Amino acid sequence: GGTGPAIAMAETMRHNAAYEPKRMLDFMPRIHNIHGKFYQMTEDYVEP
């Protein structure tokens, strides 16, 4: 029965996923800069 914001919340899953950091290894010779994206840092310095 979800509508509006509920559908929008589910839609975020179309644009995000848990890919593996180790996949960077095969491309490392051409990786020269990194964007350290984060959405929240807790008081104990953790990005959840």
All heavy atoms as atom14 arrays in JSON, in Angstrom:
{
  "sequence": "GGTGPAIAMAETMRHNAAYEPKRMLDFMPRIHNIHGKFYQMTEDYVEP",
  "atom14_mask": [
    [1, 1, 1, 1, 0, 0, 0, 0, 0, 0, 0, 0, 0, 0],
    [1, 1, 1, 1, 0, 0, 0, 0, 0, 0, 0, 0, 0, 0],
    [1, 1, 1, 1, 1, 1, 1, 0, 0, 0, 0, 0, 0, 0],
    [1, 1, 1, 1, 0, 0, 0, 0, 0, 0, 0, 0, 0, 0],
    [1, 1, 1, 1, 1, 1, 1, 0, 0, 0, 0, 0, 0, 0],
    [1, 1, 1, 1, 1, 0, 0, 0, 0, 0, 0, 0, 0, 0],
    [1, 1, 1, 1, 1, 1, 1, 1, 0, 0, 0, 0, 0, 0],
    [1, 1, 1, 1, 1, 0, 0, 0, 0, 0, 0, 0, 0, 0],
    [1, 1, 1, 1, 1, 1, 1, 1, 0, 0, 0, 0, 0, 0],
    [1, 1, 1, 1, 1, 0, 0, 0, 0, 0, 0, 0, 0, 0],
    [1, 1, 1, 1, 1, 1, 1, 1, 1, 0, 0, 0, 0, 0],
    [1, 1, 1, 1, 1, 1, 1, 0, 0, 0, 0, 0, 0, 0],
    [1, 1, 1, 1, 1, 1, 1, 1, 0, 0, 0, 0, 0, 0],
    [1, 1, 1, 1, 1, 1, 1, 1, 1, 1, 1, 0, 0, 0],
    [1, 1, 1, 1, 1, 1, 1, 1, 1, 1, 0, 0, 0, 0],
    [1, 1, 1, 1, 1, 1, 1, 1, 0, 0, 0, 0, 0, 0],
    [1, 1, 1, 1, 1, 0, 0, 0, 0, 0, 0, 0, 0, 0],
    [1, 1, 1, 1, 1, 0, 0, 0, 0, 0, 0, 0, 0, 0],
    [1, 1, 1, 1, 1, 1, 1, 1, 1, 1, 1, 1, 0, 0],
    [1, 1, 1, 1, 1, 1, 1, 1, 1, 0, 0, 0, 0, 0],
    [1, 1, 1, 1, 1, 1, 1, 0, 0, 0, 0, 0, 0, 0],
    [1, 1, 1, 1, 1, 1, 1, 1, 1, 0, 0, 0, 0, 0],
    [1, 1, 1, 1, 1, 1, 1, 1, 1, 1, 1, 0, 0, 0],
    [1, 1, 1, 1, 1, 1, 1, 1, 0, 0, 0, 0, 0, 0],
    [1, 1, 1, 1, 1, 1, 1, 1, 0, 0, 0, 0, 0, 0],
    [1, 1, 1, 1, 1, 1, 1, 1, 0, 0, 0, 0, 0, 0],
    [1, 1, 1, 1, 1, 1, 1, 1, 1, 1, 1, 0, 0, 0],
    [1, 1, 1, 1, 1, 1, 1, 1, 0, 0, 0, 0, 0, 0],
    [1, 1, 1, 1, 1, 1, 1, 0, 0, 0, 0, 0, 0, 0],
    [1, 1, 1, 1, 1, 1, 1, 1, 1, 1, 1, 0, 0, 0],
    [1, 1, 1, 1, 1, 1, 1, 1, 0, 0, 0, 0, 0, 0],
    [1, 1, 1, 1, 1, 1, 1, 1, 1, 1, 0, 0, 0, 0],
    [1, 1, 1, 1, 1, 1, 1, 1, 0, 0, 0, 0, 0, 0],
    [1, 1, 1, 1, 1, 1, 1, 1, 0, 0, 0, 0, 0, 0],
    [1, 1, 1, 1, 1, 1, 1, 1, 1, 1, 0, 0, 0, 0],
    [1, 1, 1, 1, 0, 0, 0, 0, 0, 0, 0, 0, 0, 0],
    [1, 1, 1, 1, 1, 1, 1, 1, 1, 0, 0, 0, 0, 0],
    [1, 1, 1, 1, 1, 1, 1, 1, 1, 1, 1, 0, 0, 0],
    [1, 1, 1, 1, 1, 1, 1, 1, 1, 1, 1, 1, 0, 0],
    [1, 1, 1, 1, 1, 1, 1, 1, 1, 0, 0, 0, 0, 0],
    [1, 1, 1, 1, 1, 1, 1, 1, 0, 0, 0, 0, 0, 0],
    [1, 1, 1, 1, 1, 1, 1, 0, 0, 0, 0, 0, 0, 0],
    [1, 1, 1, 1, 1, 1, 1, 1, 1, 0, 0, 0, 0, 0],
    [1, 1, 1, 1, 1, 1, 1, 1, 0, 0, 0, 0, 0, 0],
    [1, 1, 1, 1, 1, 1, 1, 1, 1, 1, 1, 1, 0, 0],
    [1, 1, 1, 1, 1, 1, 1, 0, 0, 0, 0, 0, 0, 0],
    [1, 1, 1, 1, 1, 1, 1, 1, 1, 0, 0, 0, 0, 0],
    [1, 1, 1, 1, 1, 1, 1, 0, 0, 0, 0, 0, 0, 0]
  ],
  "atom14_positions": [
    [[0.79, -1.22, 0.0], [0.0, 0.0, 0.0], [0.82, 1.27, 0.0], [0.28, 2.37, 0.19], [0.0, 0.0, 0.0], [0.0, 0.0, 0.0], [0.0, 0.0, 0.0], [0.0, 0.0, 0.0], [0.0, 0.0, 0.0], [0.0, 0.0, 0.0], [0.0, 0.0, 0.0], [0.0, 0.0, 0.0], [0.0, 0.0, 0.0], [0.0, 0.0, 0.0]],
    [[2.1, 1.15, -0.24], [2.97, 2.31, -0.24], [2.77, 3.18, -1.47], [2.57, 2.69, -2.58], [0.0, 0.0, 0.0], [0.0, 0.0, 0.0], [0.0, 0.0, 0.0], [0.0, 0.0, 0.0], [0.0, 0.0, 0.0], [0.0, 0.0, 0.0], [0.0, 0.0, 0.0], [0.0, 0.0, 0.0], [0.0, 0.0, 0.0], [0.0, 0.0, 0.0]],
    [[2.78, 4.49, -1.25], [2.66, 5.45, -2.35], [3.66, 6.58, -2.11], [4.27, 6.68, -1.04], [1.24, 6.04, -2.43], [0.95, 6.69, -1.19], [0.21, 4.95, -2.69], [0.0, 0.0, 0.0], [0.0, 0.0, 0.0], [0.0, 0.0, 0.0], [0.0, 0.0, 0.0], [0.0, 0.0, 0.0], [0.0, 0.0, 0.0], [0.0, 0.0, 0.0]],
    [[3.81, 7.47, -3.08], [4.6, 8.68, -2.92], [5.97, 8.45, -2.31], [6.81, 7.76, -2.91], [0.0, 0.0, 0.0], [0.0, 0.0, 0.0], [0.0, 0.0, 0.0], [0.0, 0.0, 0.0], [0.0, 0.0, 0.0], [0.0, 0.0, 0.0], [0.0, 0.0, 0.0], [0.0, 0.0, 0.0], [0.0, 0.0, 0.0], [0.0, 0.0, 0.0]],
    [[6.23, 8.99, -1.11], [7.54, 8.85, -0.5], [7.99, 7.4, -0.3], [9.19, 7.11, -0.38], [7.37, 9.57, 0.85], [6.26, 10.53, 0.63], [5.33, 9.85, -0.32], [0.0, 0.0, 0.0], [0.0, 0.0, 0.0], [0.0, 0.0, 0.0], [0.0, 0.0, 0.0], [0.0, 0.0, 0.0], [0.0, 0.0, 0.0], [0.0, 0.0, 0.0]],
    [[7.07, 6.5, -0.05], [7.43, 5.1, 0.13], [8.0, 4.51, -1.16], [9.0, 3.79, -1.14], [6.22, 4.29, 0.6], [0.0, 0.0, 0.0], [0.0, 0.0, 0.0], [0.0, 0.0, 0.0], [0.0, 0.0, 0.0], [0.0, 0.0, 0.0], [0.0, 0.0, 0.0], [0.0, 0.0, 0.0], [0.0, 0.0, 0.0], [0.0, 0.0, 0.0]],
    [[7.38, 4.84, -2.28], [7.91, 4.4, -3.58], [9.27, 5.06, -3.83], [10.21, 4.43, -4.31], [6.92, 4.74, -4.71], [5.59, 4.02, -4.5], [7.54, 4.36, -6.07], [5.68, 2.51, -4.51], [0.0, 0.0, 0.0], [0.0, 0.0, 0.0], [0.0, 0.0, 0.0], [0.0, 0.0, 0.0], [0.0, 0.0, 0.0], [0.0, 0.0, 0.0]],
    [[9.39, 6.34, -3.48], [10.66, 7.05, -3.67], [11.76, 6.4, -2.84], [12.91, 6.29, -3.3], [10.5, 8.52, -3.28], [0.0, 0.0, 0.0], [0.0, 0.0, 0.0], [0.0, 0.0, 0.0], [0.0, 0.0, 0.0], [0.0, 0.0, 0.0], [0.0, 0.0, 0.0], [0.0, 0.0, 0.0], [0.0, 0.0, 0.0], [0.0, 0.0, 0.0]],
    [[11.46, 5.99, -1.62], [12.46, 5.32, -0.79], [12.91, 4.01, -1.43], [14.1, 3.7, -1.47], [11.89, 5.07, 0.6], [12.88, 4.44, 1.57], [12.21, 4.28, 3.25], [13.61, 3.48, 4.08], [0.0, 0.0, 0.0], [0.0, 0.0, 0.0], [0.0, 0.0, 0.0], [0.0, 0.0, 0.0], [0.0, 0.0, 0.0], [0.0, 0.0, 0.0]],
    [[11.95, 3.25, -1.95], [12.3, 2.0, -2.63], [13.1, 2.27, -3.9], [14.0, 1.51, -4.26], [11.04, 1.21, -2.95], [0.0, 0.0, 0.0], [0.0, 0.0, 0.0], [0.0, 0.0, 0.0], [0.0, 0.0, 0.0], [0.0, 0.0, 0.0], [0.0, 0.0, 0.0], [0.0, 0.0, 0.0], [0.0, 0.0, 0.0], [0.0, 0.0, 0.0]],
    [[12.77, 3.37, -4.58], [13.46, 3.71, -5.83], [14.95, 3.98, -5.62], [15.74, 3.84, -6.55], [12.81, 4.94, -6.48], [11.47, 4.68, -7.13], [11.61, 4.14, -8.54], [12.75, 3.97, -9.01], [10.56, 3.89, -9.17], [0.0, 0.0, 0.0], [0.0, 0.0, 0.0], [0.0, 0.0, 0.0], [0.0, 0.0, 0.0], [0.0, 0.0, 0.0]],
    [[15.35, 4.38, -4.41], [16.78, 4.62, -4.18], [17.6, 3.37, -4.44], [18.79, 3.45, -4.75], [17.04, 5.09, -2.73], [16.63, 4.08, -1.81], [16.31, 6.39, -2.44], [0.0, 0.0, 0.0], [0.0, 0.0, 0.0], [0.0, 0.0, 0.0], [0.0, 0.0, 0.0], [0.0, 0.0, 0.0], [0.0, 0.0, 0.0], [0.0, 0.0, 0.0]],
    [[16.98, 2.21, -4.34], [17.7, 0.96, -4.56], [18.05, 0.76, -6.03], [18.93, -0.05, -6.35], [16.89, -0.22, -4.03], [16.73, -0.21, -2.52], [15.79, -1.61, -1.87], [16.81, -3.01, -2.37], [0.0, 0.0, 0.0], [0.0, 0.0, 0.0], [0.0, 0.0, 0.0], [0.0, 0.0, 0.0], [0.0, 0.0, 0.0], [0.0, 0.0, 0.0]],
    [[17.39, 1.49, -6.93], [17.77, 1.4, -8.34], [19.13, 2.04, -8.59], [19.82, 1.69, -9.55], [16.74, 2.15, -9.21], [15.38, 1.52, -9.34], [14.58, 2.29, -10.36], [13.18, 1.87, -10.46], [12.75, 0.88, -11.24], [13.62, 0.2, -11.96], [11.46, 0.59, -11.29], [0.0, 0.0, 0.0], [0.0, 0.0, 0.0], [0.0, 0.0, 0.0]],
    [[19.5, 2.96, -7.74], [20.68, 3.79, -8.0], [21.84, 3.52, -7.05], [22.86, 4.2, -7.1], [20.28, 5.27, -7.91], [19.1, 5.62, -8.76], [19.19, 5.71, -10.13], [17.81, 5.87, -8.44], [17.99, 6.0, -10.62], [17.14, 6.12, -9.62], [0.0, 0.0, 0.0], [0.0, 0.0, 0.0], [0.0, 0.0, 0.0], [0.0, 0.0, 0.0]],
    [[21.68, 2.53, -6.18], [22.72, 2.23, -5.21], [22.82, 0.73, -5.02], [21.82, 0.01, -5.13], [22.41, 2.88, -3.86], [22.34, 4.38, -3.95], [23.34, 5.06, -3.89], [21.13, 4.92, -4.12], [0.0, 0.0, 0.0], [0.0, 0.0, 0.0], [0.0, 0.0, 0.0], [0.0, 0.0, 0.0], [0.0, 0.0, 0.0], [0.0, 0.0, 0.0]],
    [[24.03, 0.26, -4.73], [24.22, -1.16, -4.5], [25.53, -1.38, -3.73], [26.36, -0.48, -3.63], [24.24, -1.94, -5.81], [0.0, 0.0, 0.0], [0.0, 0.0, 0.0], [0.0, 0.0, 0.0], [0.0, 0.0, 0.0], [0.0, 0.0, 0.0], [0.0, 0.0, 0.0], [0.0, 0.0, 0.0], [0.0, 0.0, 0.0], [0.0, 0.0, 0.0]],
    [[25.69, -2.58, -3.23], [26.86, -2.92, -2.43], [27.91, -3.6, -3.3], [28.18, -4.79, -3.18], [26.46, -3.83, -1.27], [0.0, 0.0, 0.0], [0.0, 0.0, 0.0], [0.0, 0.0, 0.0], [0.0, 0.0, 0.0], [0.0, 0.0, 0.0], [0.0, 0.0, 0.0], [0.0, 0.0, 0.0], [0.0, 0.0, 0.0], [0.0, 0.0, 0.0]],
    [[28.52, -2.83, -4.2], [29.58, -3.4, -5.02], [30.84, -3.62, -4.17], [30.95, -3.09, -3.06], [29.86, -2.49, -6.22], [28.64, -2.29, -7.08], [28.02, -1.05, -7.17], [28.07, -3.36, -7.77], [26.87, -0.88, -7.94], [26.93, -3.2, -8.54], [26.33, -1.95, -8.62], [25.19, -1.79, -9.37], [0.0, 0.0, 0.0], [0.0, 0.0, 0.0]],
    [[31.76, -4.39, -4.69], [32.92, -4.8, -3.9], [34.12, -3.88, -4.12], [34.55, -3.68, -5.26], [33.31, -6.23, -4.25], [32.42, -7.28, -3.61], [32.46, -7.22, -2.09], [33.57, -7.04, -1.53], [31.4, -7.34, -1.47], [0.0, 0.0, 0.0], [0.0, 0.0, 0.0], [0.0, 0.0, 0.0], [0.0, 0.0, 0.0], [0.0, 0.0, 0.0]],
    [[34.69, -3.33, -3.05], [35.88, -2.48, -3.19], [37.04, -3.17, -3.89], [37.82, -2.53, -4.6], [36.23, -2.14, -1.73], [34.94, -2.23, -0.99], [34.2, -3.35, -1.66], [0.0, 0.0, 0.0], [0.0, 0.0, 0.0], [0.0, 0.0, 0.0], [0.0, 0.0, 0.0], [0.0, 0.0, 0.0], [0.0, 0.0, 0.0], [0.0, 0.0, 0.0]],
    [[37.15, -4.49, -3.75], [38.29, -5.21, -4.34], [38.29, -5.12, -5.87], [39.32, -5.36, -6.49], [38.28, -6.68, -3.91], [37.07, -7.47, -4.38], [37.09, -8.88, -3.82], [35.85, -9.68, -4.24], [35.86, -11.05, -3.65], [0.0, 0.0, 0.0], [0.0, 0.0, 0.0], [0.0, 0.0, 0.0], [0.0, 0.0, 0.0], [0.0, 0.0, 0.0]],
    [[37.16, -4.75, -6.49], [37.15, -4.63, -7.94], [38.02, -3.49, -8.42], [38.38, -3.41, -9.59], [35.71, -4.42, -8.43], [34.84, -5.66, -8.31], [35.38, -6.84, -9.12], [35.34, -6.56, -10.55], [36.39, -6.56, -11.34], [37.61, -6.77, -10.87], [36.26, -6.32, -12.63], [0.0, 0.0, 0.0], [0.0, 0.0, 0.0], [0.0, 0.0, 0.0]],
    [[38.38, -2.56, -7.51], [39.28, -1.48, -7.89], [40.67, -1.99, -8.21], [41.42, -1.32, -8.95], [39.37, -0.44, -6.76], [38.12, 0.38, -6.55], [38.35, 1.77, -5.39], [38.53, 0.89, -3.84], [0.0, 0.0, 0.0], [0.0, 0.0, 0.0], [0.0, 0.0, 0.0], [0.0, 0.0, 0.0], [0.0, 0.0, 0.0], [0.0, 0.0, 0.0]],
    [[41.04, -3.14, -7.71], [42.41, -3.63, -7.88], [42.8, -3.8, -9.34], [43.92, -3.49, -9.74], [42.6, -4.95, -7.12], [42.56, -4.85, -5.59], [42.61, -6.24, -4.96], [43.71, -3.99, -5.08], [0.0, 0.0, 0.0], [0.0, 0.0, 0.0], [0.0, 0.0, 0.0], [0.0, 0.0, 0.0], [0.0, 0.0, 0.0], [0.0, 0.0, 0.0]],
    [[41.86, -4.3, -10.15], [42.16, -4.52, -11.56], [42.33, -3.22, -12.34], [42.88, -3.24, -13.45], [41.05, -5.36, -12.21], [41.06, -6.81, -11.75], [42.11, -7.26, -11.24], [40.02, -7.49, -11.89], [0.0, 0.0, 0.0], [0.0, 0.0, 0.0], [0.0, 0.0, 0.0], [0.0, 0.0, 0.0], [0.0, 0.0, 0.0], [0.0, 0.0, 0.0]],
    [[41.86, -2.12, -11.77], [41.92, -0.83, -12.47], [42.9, 0.14, -11.81], [43.03, 1.27, -12.24], [40.53, -0.21, -12.5], [39.5, -1.04, -13.23], [38.84, -2.07, -12.58], [39.21, -0.8, -14.56], [37.9, -2.85, -13.25], [38.27, -1.56, -15.24], [37.62, -2.59, -14.59], [0.0, 0.0, 0.0], [0.0, 0.0, 0.0], [0.0, 0.0, 0.0]],
    [[43.6, -0.33, -10.78], [44.42, 0.56, -9.97], [45.46, 1.35, -10.76], [45.7, 2.53, -10.44], [45.11, -0.24, -8.85], [45.59, 0.61, -7.69], [44.23, 1.45, -6.82], [43.45, 0.09, -5.98], [0.0, 0.0, 0.0], [0.0, 0.0, 0.0], [0.0, 0.0, 0.0], [0.0, 0.0, 0.0], [0.0, 0.0, 0.0], [0.0, 0.0, 0.0]],
    [[46.07, 0.79, -11.81], [47.05, 1.61, -12.55], [46.48, 2.88, -13.15], [47.23, 3.82, -13.42], [47.54, 0.65, -13.65], [47.34, -0.72, -13.08], [46.07, -0.6, -12.29], [0.0, 0.0, 0.0], [0.0, 0.0, 0.0], [0.0, 0.0, 0.0], [0.0, 0.0, 0.0], [0.0, 0.0, 0.0], [0.0, 0.0, 0.0], [0.0, 0.0, 0.0]],
    [[45.16, 2.93, -13.36], [44.53, 4.14, -13.92], [43.69, 4.89, -12.9], [42.99, 5.82, -13.25], [43.69, 3.77, -15.15], [44.53, 3.39, -16.38], [43.67, 3.32, -17.63], [44.43, 2.9, -18.8], [45.05, 3.73, -19.62], [45.0, 5.04, -19.4], [45.71, 3.28, -20.68], [0.0, 0.0, 0.0], [0.0, 0.0, 0.0], [0.0, 0.0, 0.0]],
    [[43.73, 4.5, -11.63], [43.01, 5.22, -10.59], [43.98, 6.21, -9.94], [44.99, 5.81, -9.36], [42.43, 4.27, -9.53], [41.34, 3.39, -10.15], [41.87, 5.05, -8.34], [40.77, 2.35, -9.2], [0.0, 0.0, 0.0], [0.0, 0.0, 0.0], [0.0, 0.0, 0.0], [0.0, 0.0, 0.0], [0.0, 0.0, 0.0], [0.0, 0.0, 0.0]],
    [[43.67, 7.51, -10.05], [44.6, 8.53, -9.57], [43.98, 9.47, -8.53], [44.71, 10.27, -7.94], [45.11, 9.35, -10.76], [45.78, 8.52, -11.8], [46.96, 7.84, -11.59], [45.42, 8.23, -13.09], [47.31, 7.2, -12.69], [46.39, 7.41, -13.62], [0.0, 0.0, 0.0], [0.0, 0.0, 0.0], [0.0, 0.0, 0.0], [0.0, 0.0, 0.0]],
    [[42.68, 9.42, -8.35], [42.04, 10.28, -7.36], [40.75, 9.58, -6.93], [40.2, 8.77, -7.69], [41.74, 11.66, -7.94], [41.34, 12.68, -6.89], [41.73, 12.56, -5.73], [40.57, 13.68, -7.27], [0.0, 0.0, 0.0], [0.0, 0.0, 0.0], [0.0, 0.0, 0.0], [0.0, 0.0, 0.0], [0.0, 0.0, 0.0], [0.0, 0.0, 0.0]],
    [[40.28, 9.87, -5.72], [39.11, 9.17, -5.18], [38.19, 10.16, -4.49], [38.65, 11.04, -3.76], [39.55, 8.07, -4.18], [40.13, 6.87, -4.96], [38.38, 7.61, -3.3], [40.72, 5.8, -4.09], [0.0, 0.0, 0.0], [0.0, 0.0, 0.0], [0.0, 0.0, 0.0], [0.0, 0.0, 0.0], [0.0, 0.0, 0.0], [0.0, 0.0, 0.0]],
    [[36.88, 10.0, -4.74], [35.88, 10.77, -4.01], [35.41, 9.95, -2.81], [34.77, 8.9, -2.98], [34.69, 11.1, -4.91], [34.95, 12.25, -5.82], [34.01, 12.73, -6.71], [36.04, 13.05, -5.97], [34.53, 13.77, -7.36], [35.76, 13.96, -6.93], [0.0, 0.0, 0.0], [0.0, 0.0, 0.0], [0.0, 0.0, 0.0], [0.0, 0.0, 0.0]],
    [[35.71, 10.44, -1.62], [35.33, 9.76, -0.39], [33.9, 10.09, 0.02], [33.68, 10.74, 1.04], [0.0, 0.0, 0.0], [0.0, 0.0, 0.0], [0.0, 0.0, 0.0], [0.0, 0.0, 0.0], [0.0, 0.0, 0.0], [0.0, 0.0, 0.0], [0.0, 0.0, 0.0], [0.0, 0.0, 0.0], [0.0, 0.0, 0.0], [0.0, 0.0, 0.0]],
    [[32.95, 9.64, -0.78], [31.53, 9.91, -0.5], [31.18, 9.41, 0.9], [31.59, 8.33, 1.32], [30.67, 9.2, -1.55], [29.16, 9.32, -1.36], [28.66, 10.71, -1.66], [28.96, 11.13, -3.08], [28.33, 10.28, -4.1], [0.0, 0.0, 0.0], [0.0, 0.0, 0.0], [0.0, 0.0, 0.0], [0.0, 0.0, 0.0], [0.0, 0.0, 0.0]],
    [[30.39, 10.2, 1.63], [29.83, 9.72, 2.88], [28.56, 10.48, 3.18], [28.36, 11.61, 2.73], [30.84, 9.81, 4.03], [31.15, 11.21, 4.5], [30.6, 11.71, 5.67], [32.04, 12.02, 3.8], [30.89, 12.99, 6.13], [32.35, 13.29, 4.25], [31.78, 13.79, 5.41], [0.0, 0.0, 0.0], [0.0, 0.0, 0.0], [0.0, 0.0, 0.0]],
    [[27.68, 9.81, 3.93], [26.37, 10.38, 4.24], [26.22, 10.73, 5.71], [25.37, 11.53, 6.08], [25.26, 9.4, 3.84], [25.23, 9.14, 2.35], [25.77, 7.97, 1.81], [24.7, 10.07, 1.47], [25.77, 7.75, 0.44], [24.69, 9.86, 0.1], [25.23, 8.7, -0.4], [25.24, 8.48, -1.76], [0.0, 0.0, 0.0], [0.0, 0.0, 0.0]],
    [[27.06, 10.12, 6.54], [26.95, 10.38, 7.97], [28.21, 9.86, 8.65], [28.66, 8.75, 8.4], [25.72, 9.66, 8.55], [25.55, 9.8, 10.05], [24.37, 8.99, 10.57], [23.78, 8.19, 9.84], [24.03, 9.17, 11.84], [0.0, 0.0, 0.0], [0.0, 0.0, 0.0], [0.0, 0.0, 0.0], [0.0, 0.0, 0.0], [0.0, 0.0, 0.0]],
    [[28.78, 10.68, 9.53], [29.87, 10.23, 10.4], [29.37, 10.32, 11.83], [28.98, 11.38, 12.3], [31.12, 11.09, 10.22], [31.81, 10.92, 8.88], [32.42, 9.25, 8.54], [33.4, 8.92, 10.0], [0.0, 0.0, 0.0], [0.0, 0.0, 0.0], [0.0, 0.0, 0.0], [0.0, 0.0, 0.0], [0.0, 0.0, 0.0], [0.0, 0.0, 0.0]],
    [[29.37, 9.19, 12.53], [28.91, 9.18, 13.92], [29.95, 9.79, 14.83], [31.09, 10.06, 14.42], [28.62, 7.74, 14.37], [29.85, 6.99, 14.36], [27.61, 7.06, 13.43], [0.0, 0.0, 0.0], [0.0, 0.0, 0.0], [0.0, 0.0, 0.0], [0.0, 0.0, 0.0], [0.0, 0.0, 0.0], [0.0, 0.0, 0.0], [0.0, 0.0, 0.0]],
    [[29.58, 10.0, 16.09], [30.5, 10.6, 17.05], [31.73, 9.73, 17.3], [32.77, 10.23, 17.73], [29.78, 10.89, 18.37], [28.74, 12.0, 18.25], [28.08, 12.33, 19.57], [28.41, 11.65, 20.58], [27.26, 13.26, 19.61], [0.0, 0.0, 0.0], [0.0, 0.0, 0.0], [0.0, 0.0, 0.0], [0.0, 0.0, 0.0], [0.0, 0.0, 0.0]],
    [[31.6, 8.43, 17.05], [32.75, 7.54, 17.21], [33.46, 7.26, 15.88], [34.15, 6.28, 15.72], [32.36, 6.23, 17.89], [31.22, 5.51, 17.18], [30.63, 6.11, 16.25], [30.92, 4.36, 17.54], [0.0, 0.0, 0.0], [0.0, 0.0, 0.0], [0.0, 0.0, 0.0], [0.0, 0.0, 0.0], [0.0, 0.0, 0.0], [0.0, 0.0, 0.0]],
    [[33.26, 8.18, 14.92], [34.01, 8.2, 13.66], [33.77, 6.97, 12.79], [34.7, 6.36, 12.25], [35.52, 8.36, 13.96], [35.81, 9.57, 14.83], [36.18, 9.42, 16.16], [35.66, 10.86, 14.32], [36.4, 10.54, 16.96], [35.89, 11.97, 15.11], [36.25, 11.8, 16.43], [36.48, 12.91, 17.21], [0.0, 0.0, 0.0], [0.0, 0.0, 0.0]],
    [[32.51, 6.64, 12.63], [32.13, 5.5, 11.79], [31.14, 6.0, 10.74], [30.21, 6.75, 11.05], [31.48, 4.37, 12.62], [30.92, 3.29, 11.7], [32.5, 3.78, 13.58], [0.0, 0.0, 0.0], [0.0, 0.0, 0.0], [0.0, 0.0, 0.0], [0.0, 0.0, 0.0], [0.0, 0.0, 0.0], [0.0, 0.0, 0.0], [0.0, 0.0, 0.0]],
    [[31.35, 5.59, 9.48], [30.35, 5.79, 8.42], [29.52, 4.51, 8.41], [30.01, 3.46, 8.0], [31.04, 5.99, 7.07], [30.32, 6.91, 6.08], [28.89, 6.56, 5.73], [28.43, 5.44, 6.02], [28.2, 7.4, 5.15], [0.0, 0.0, 0.0], [0.0, 0.0, 0.0], [0.0, 0.0, 0.0], [0.0, 0.0, 0.0], [0.0, 0.0, 0.0]],
    [[28.26, 4.55, 8.85], [27.5, 3.32, 9.04], [27.09, 2.59, 7.78], [26.65, 1.44, 7.86], [26.27, 3.79, 9.83], [26.13, 5.24, 9.52], [27.52, 5.74, 9.32], [0.0, 0.0, 0.0], [0.0, 0.0, 0.0], [0.0, 0.0, 0.0], [0.0, 0.0, 0.0], [0.0, 0.0, 0.0], [0.0, 0.0, 0.0], [0.0, 0.0, 0.0]]
  ]
}
